[in-house]
Every structure is written in structure tokens, then in C-alpha cells.
Amino acid sequence: AYGAEDDEDAAANAKIEQYIPFAVIGSDREVTVGGKRLLGRQTKWGFIEVENKKHCEFAQLRDMLIRSHMQDLKETTDKVHYETFRHQRLQQSHNQSYLGESNI
């Protein structure tokens, strides 16, 4: 049945659930630390690496969203977001043609 978990999925989800709520640090800057360019933030307590699993759980969150739940992400995008956008555009088009307006 759709949505049923197999043993492998259940184990992966249980592993991910131990990190909830996720502690995520974001950065769009690279900092040189020990001769290496790393994505992270420099604080008065030290350097926090975005990709270091000891510093934050960004990697686990990314893995959950992209690798483990990619099909869910695709289906939600298609069935919810795209269909909502499509409905709104069709409604706008209908309203414009009803009022005699044109998109040209």
C-alpha cells in the first residue's frame, strides 16, 4: 500500500527522528580554518562548521529531505504546489477573459 513503511525505511526514519528538533546553523560564507576553506560561522566561542555533524545537524536534515524523502518532495511539489499555482493562473486567466481583459 502507498505510504507503508518497509523495515529499511522504518530504521532510517527512526535514526532521523533522534535528531528532531534539528539544530541547524546556516552560512553562505567560507572561512579559512587551519588552511582549509570551510563553510561556517566564526563566533567568539570558535568556528562552527555547517557540514560537521558534531557542530550541527544540517547534513542529517539535508539527507532526510533530499535523499530519504525525495519522492515525497516531488509528489508534494506536483500535487500541491504546482496544482495550486496552475489553479490560480487558470482562475486569473478566466477572470481576465470574463472582464474582457487581455494578456497580450
N, C-alpha and C. Protein backbone atom coordinates (compact mmCIF):
# COMPACT_ATOMS: atom_id res chain seq x y z
N ALA A 1 0.84 -1.19 0.00
CA ALA A 1 0.00 0.00 0.00
C ALA A 1 0.87 1.24 0.00
N TYR A 2 0.38 2.28 -0.63
CA TYR A 2 1.12 3.53 -0.69
C TYR A 2 1.31 4.07 0.71
N GLY A 3 2.51 4.53 1.00
CA GLY A 3 2.77 5.14 2.29
C GLY A 3 3.19 4.14 3.36
N ALA A 4 3.12 2.84 3.06
CA ALA A 4 3.52 1.84 4.03
C ALA A 4 5.04 1.80 4.13
N GLU A 5 5.54 1.71 5.36
CA GLU A 5 6.98 1.66 5.57
C GLU A 5 7.47 0.22 5.54
N ASP A 6 8.60 0.02 4.86
CA ASP A 6 9.23 -1.29 4.98
C ASP A 6 10.25 -1.19 6.12
N ASP A 7 10.90 -2.29 6.45
CA ASP A 7 11.82 -2.31 7.60
C ASP A 7 12.98 -1.34 7.41
N GLU A 8 13.48 -1.23 6.18
CA GLU A 8 14.60 -0.34 5.90
C GLU A 8 14.19 1.12 6.10
N ASP A 9 13.01 1.49 5.60
CA ASP A 9 12.51 2.86 5.79
C ASP A 9 12.27 3.17 7.26
N ALA A 10 11.70 2.21 7.97
CA ALA A 10 11.42 2.40 9.40
C ALA A 10 12.70 2.63 10.18
N ALA A 11 13.74 1.88 9.87
CA ALA A 11 15.03 2.04 10.55
C ALA A 11 15.64 3.40 10.22
N ALA A 12 15.58 3.79 8.96
CA ALA A 12 16.13 5.10 8.55
C ALA A 12 15.37 6.24 9.21
N ASN A 13 14.04 6.12 9.25
CA ASN A 13 13.23 7.17 9.89
C ASN A 13 13.47 7.25 11.39
N ALA A 14 13.65 6.11 12.03
CA ALA A 14 13.94 6.10 13.48
C ALA A 14 15.27 6.78 13.76
N LYS A 15 16.25 6.56 12.89
CA LYS A 15 17.56 7.19 13.05
C LYS A 15 17.44 8.70 12.90
N ILE A 16 16.68 9.14 11.92
CA ILE A 16 16.49 10.58 11.67
C ILE A 16 15.72 11.23 12.82
N GLU A 17 14.71 10.54 13.33
CA GLU A 17 13.86 11.11 14.38
C GLU A 17 14.62 11.44 15.65
N GLN A 18 15.76 10.79 15.89
CA GLN A 18 16.54 11.10 17.09
C GLN A 18 17.13 12.50 17.06
N TYR A 19 17.18 13.13 15.88
CA TYR A 19 17.74 14.47 15.76
C TYR A 19 16.68 15.57 15.86
N ILE A 20 15.41 15.21 15.88
CA ILE A 20 14.34 16.21 15.92
C ILE A 20 14.22 16.75 17.32
N PRO A 21 14.16 18.04 17.55
CA PRO A 21 14.27 19.11 16.55
C PRO A 21 15.72 19.28 16.12
N PHE A 22 15.91 19.59 14.85
CA PHE A 22 17.24 19.74 14.29
C PHE A 22 17.90 21.03 14.78
N ALA A 23 19.17 20.95 15.12
CA ALA A 23 19.98 22.13 15.44
C ALA A 23 20.76 22.47 14.17
N VAL A 24 20.33 23.50 13.47
CA VAL A 24 20.92 23.83 12.18
C VAL A 24 21.55 25.20 12.22
N ILE A 25 22.78 25.27 11.74
CA ILE A 25 23.48 26.54 11.58
C ILE A 25 23.67 26.73 10.09
N GLY A 26 23.30 27.89 9.59
CA GLY A 26 23.45 28.17 8.18
C GLY A 26 24.51 29.24 7.94
N SER A 27 25.13 29.19 6.80
CA SER A 27 26.10 30.20 6.42
C SER A 27 26.28 30.17 4.91
N ASP A 28 26.53 31.34 4.35
CA ASP A 28 26.84 31.42 2.93
C ASP A 28 28.27 31.90 2.72
N ARG A 29 29.06 31.84 3.79
CA ARG A 29 30.45 32.31 3.73
C ARG A 29 31.42 31.19 4.06
N GLU A 30 32.51 31.20 3.32
CA GLU A 30 33.60 30.28 3.62
C GLU A 30 34.63 31.01 4.46
N VAL A 31 35.19 30.27 5.43
CA VAL A 31 36.20 30.83 6.33
C VAL A 31 37.40 29.89 6.26
N THR A 32 38.58 30.47 6.27
CA THR A 32 39.79 29.65 6.28
C THR A 32 40.13 29.28 7.72
N VAL A 33 40.15 27.98 7.98
CA VAL A 33 40.47 27.46 9.30
C VAL A 33 41.51 26.37 9.12
N GLY A 34 42.67 26.57 9.73
CA GLY A 34 43.74 25.57 9.61
C GLY A 34 44.15 25.32 8.17
N GLY A 35 44.12 26.35 7.33
CA GLY A 35 44.50 26.22 5.93
C GLY A 35 43.42 25.66 5.02
N LYS A 36 42.26 25.35 5.58
CA LYS A 36 41.14 24.81 4.78
C LYS A 36 40.04 25.86 4.66
N ARG A 37 39.39 25.90 3.50
CA ARG A 37 38.22 26.75 3.29
C ARG A 37 36.99 25.95 3.69
N LEU A 38 36.29 26.42 4.73
CA LEU A 38 35.13 25.71 5.25
C LEU A 38 33.93 26.62 5.29
N LEU A 39 32.76 26.05 5.03
CA LEU A 39 31.50 26.77 5.12
C LEU A 39 31.08 26.77 6.58
N GLY A 40 30.90 27.97 7.13
CA GLY A 40 30.51 28.02 8.53
C GLY A 40 30.51 29.43 9.08
N ARG A 41 30.48 29.51 10.41
CA ARG A 41 30.44 30.80 11.10
C ARG A 41 31.51 30.85 12.18
N GLN A 42 32.14 31.99 12.25
CA GLN A 42 33.10 32.24 13.31
C GLN A 42 32.36 32.95 14.44
N THR A 43 32.42 32.41 15.64
CA THR A 43 31.81 33.03 16.81
C THR A 43 32.88 33.30 17.84
N LYS A 44 32.53 33.97 18.92
CA LYS A 44 33.52 34.23 19.96
C LYS A 44 33.93 32.94 20.67
N TRP A 45 33.13 31.87 20.52
CA TRP A 45 33.45 30.58 21.13
C TRP A 45 34.25 29.69 20.21
N GLY A 46 34.33 30.04 18.94
CA GLY A 46 35.07 29.22 17.99
C GLY A 46 34.36 29.18 16.64
N PHE A 47 34.82 28.28 15.79
CA PHE A 47 34.27 28.15 14.45
C PHE A 47 33.25 27.02 14.42
N ILE A 48 32.09 27.28 13.81
CA ILE A 48 31.02 26.28 13.66
C ILE A 48 30.94 25.91 12.19
N GLU A 49 31.19 24.64 11.89
CA GLU A 49 31.13 24.15 10.52
C GLU A 49 29.72 23.68 10.19
N VAL A 50 29.20 24.12 9.06
CA VAL A 50 27.86 23.71 8.63
C VAL A 50 27.82 22.21 8.34
N GLU A 51 28.84 21.66 7.72
CA GLU A 51 28.84 20.26 7.30
C GLU A 51 29.38 19.30 8.36
N ASN A 52 29.81 19.80 9.51
CA ASN A 52 30.37 18.94 10.55
C ASN A 52 29.24 18.43 11.44
N LYS A 53 29.03 17.12 11.44
CA LYS A 53 27.92 16.52 12.20
C LYS A 53 28.08 16.71 13.71
N LYS A 54 29.29 17.01 14.17
CA LYS A 54 29.50 17.29 15.59
C LYS A 54 29.06 18.71 15.95
N HIS A 55 28.98 19.60 14.94
CA HIS A 55 28.64 21.00 15.18
C HIS A 55 27.16 21.31 14.95
N CYS A 56 26.57 20.72 13.93
CA CYS A 56 25.16 20.97 13.65
C CYS A 56 24.58 19.79 12.87
N GLU A 57 23.28 19.78 12.72
CA GLU A 57 22.60 18.65 12.10
C GLU A 57 22.08 18.97 10.70
N PHE A 58 22.74 19.93 10.03
CA PHE A 58 22.36 20.29 8.67
C PHE A 58 22.45 19.08 7.75
N ALA A 59 23.51 18.30 7.87
CA ALA A 59 23.70 17.15 6.97
C ALA A 59 22.58 16.13 7.14
N GLN A 60 22.16 15.88 8.39
CA GLN A 60 21.07 14.94 8.61
C GLN A 60 19.76 15.47 8.05
N LEU A 61 19.50 16.75 8.23
CA LEU A 61 18.28 17.36 7.69
C LEU A 61 18.29 17.29 6.17
N ARG A 62 19.41 17.64 5.56
CA ARG A 62 19.54 17.57 4.10
C ARG A 62 19.32 16.15 3.61
N ASP A 63 19.95 15.18 4.29
CA ASP A 63 19.79 13.78 3.89
C ASP A 63 18.33 13.35 3.97
N MET A 64 17.65 13.76 5.05
CA MET A 64 16.25 13.39 5.21
C MET A 64 15.41 13.98 4.08
N LEU A 65 15.61 15.26 3.79
CA LEU A 65 14.78 15.92 2.79
C LEU A 65 15.11 15.51 1.37
N ILE A 66 16.38 15.41 1.07
CA ILE A 66 16.79 15.16 -0.31
C ILE A 66 16.90 13.68 -0.62
N ARG A 67 17.58 12.94 0.21
CA ARG A 67 17.83 11.54 -0.12
C ARG A 67 16.70 10.62 0.32
N SER A 68 16.27 10.74 1.55
CA SER A 68 15.28 9.80 2.08
C SER A 68 13.86 10.12 1.64
N HIS A 69 13.54 11.39 1.46
CA HIS A 69 12.16 11.77 1.19
C HIS A 69 11.99 12.49 -0.16
N MET A 70 12.86 12.18 -1.11
CA MET A 70 12.82 12.86 -2.41
C MET A 70 11.50 12.60 -3.12
N GLN A 71 11.00 11.37 -3.07
CA GLN A 71 9.74 11.08 -3.76
C GLN A 71 8.59 11.87 -3.14
N ASP A 72 8.56 11.95 -1.81
CA ASP A 72 7.53 12.76 -1.13
C ASP A 72 7.64 14.22 -1.56
N LEU A 73 8.88 14.72 -1.64
CA LEU A 73 9.11 16.11 -2.06
C LEU A 73 8.60 16.33 -3.48
N LYS A 74 8.87 15.39 -4.38
CA LYS A 74 8.40 15.51 -5.76
C LYS A 74 6.87 15.48 -5.83
N GLU A 75 6.27 14.54 -5.11
CA GLU A 75 4.81 14.41 -5.15
C GLU A 75 4.12 15.62 -4.54
N THR A 76 4.66 16.14 -3.45
CA THR A 76 4.08 17.33 -2.83
C THR A 76 4.21 18.52 -3.76
N THR A 77 5.37 18.66 -4.39
CA THR A 77 5.58 19.76 -5.33
C THR A 77 4.57 19.67 -6.47
N ASP A 78 4.39 18.47 -7.02
CA ASP A 78 3.49 18.29 -8.14
C ASP A 78 2.03 18.42 -7.75
N LYS A 79 1.63 17.71 -6.73
CA LYS A 79 0.21 17.63 -6.38
C LYS A 79 -0.31 18.84 -5.60
N VAL A 80 0.54 19.48 -4.83
CA VAL A 80 0.08 20.61 -4.01
C VAL A 80 0.52 21.93 -4.63
N HIS A 81 1.83 22.14 -4.69
CA HIS A 81 2.33 23.46 -5.11
C HIS A 81 2.04 23.76 -6.57
N TYR A 82 2.35 22.82 -7.48
CA TYR A 82 2.10 23.08 -8.89
C TYR A 82 0.61 23.20 -9.17
N GLU A 83 -0.19 22.32 -8.61
CA GLU A 83 -1.63 22.37 -8.88
C GLU A 83 -2.25 23.64 -8.30
N THR A 84 -1.77 24.10 -7.16
CA THR A 84 -2.26 25.36 -6.60
C THR A 84 -1.90 26.52 -7.53
N PHE A 85 -0.65 26.55 -8.00
CA PHE A 85 -0.20 27.57 -8.94
C PHE A 85 -1.03 27.52 -10.22
N ARG A 86 -1.21 26.32 -10.76
CA ARG A 86 -1.97 26.13 -12.00
C ARG A 86 -3.41 26.62 -11.84
N HIS A 87 -4.03 26.27 -10.73
CA HIS A 87 -5.40 26.69 -10.46
C HIS A 87 -5.49 28.22 -10.39
N GLN A 88 -4.55 28.85 -9.70
CA GLN A 88 -4.56 30.31 -9.59
C GLN A 88 -4.39 30.97 -10.96
N ARG A 89 -3.49 30.46 -11.77
CA ARG A 89 -3.26 31.03 -13.10
C ARG A 89 -4.49 30.86 -13.99
N LEU A 90 -5.11 29.69 -13.94
CA LEU A 90 -6.31 29.48 -14.73
C LEU A 90 -7.44 30.39 -14.26
N GLN A 91 -7.56 30.56 -12.96
CA GLN A 91 -8.58 31.45 -12.41
C GLN A 91 -8.34 32.89 -12.85
N GLN A 92 -7.08 33.33 -12.81
CA GLN A 92 -6.74 34.68 -13.27
C GLN A 92 -7.07 34.85 -14.75
N SER A 93 -6.72 33.84 -15.54
CA SER A 93 -6.99 33.88 -16.98
C SER A 93 -8.49 33.94 -17.24
N HIS A 94 -9.24 33.14 -16.50
CA HIS A 94 -10.70 33.13 -16.64
C HIS A 94 -11.28 34.49 -16.25
N ASN A 95 -10.82 35.04 -15.15
CA ASN A 95 -11.33 36.35 -14.69
C ASN A 95 -11.00 37.46 -15.70
N GLN A 96 -9.81 37.41 -16.29
CA GLN A 96 -9.43 38.42 -17.25
C GLN A 96 -10.28 38.30 -18.53
N SER A 97 -10.51 37.08 -18.99
CA SER A 97 -11.30 36.93 -20.20
C SER A 97 -12.77 37.28 -19.94
N TYR A 98 -13.24 37.00 -18.73
CA TYR A 98 -14.62 37.36 -18.35
C TYR A 98 -14.80 38.87 -18.33
N LEU A 99 -13.76 39.57 -17.88
CA LEU A 99 -13.83 41.03 -17.81
C LEU A 99 -13.42 41.71 -19.14
N GLY A 100 -13.07 40.91 -20.13
CA GLY A 100 -12.71 41.44 -21.44
C GLY A 100 -11.26 41.93 -21.48
N GLU A 101 -10.45 41.56 -20.50
CA GLU A 101 -9.04 41.97 -20.49
C GLU A 101 -8.24 40.96 -21.30
N SER A 102 -7.05 41.38 -21.68
CA SER A 102 -6.18 40.53 -22.47
C SER A 102 -4.79 40.51 -21.88
N ASN A 103 -4.08 39.38 -22.03
CA ASN A 103 -2.69 39.26 -21.59
C ASN A 103 -1.73 39.66 -22.68
N ILE A 104 -2.23 40.03 -23.83
CA ILE A 104 -1.37 40.32 -24.99
C ILE A 104 -0.72 41.66 -24.84
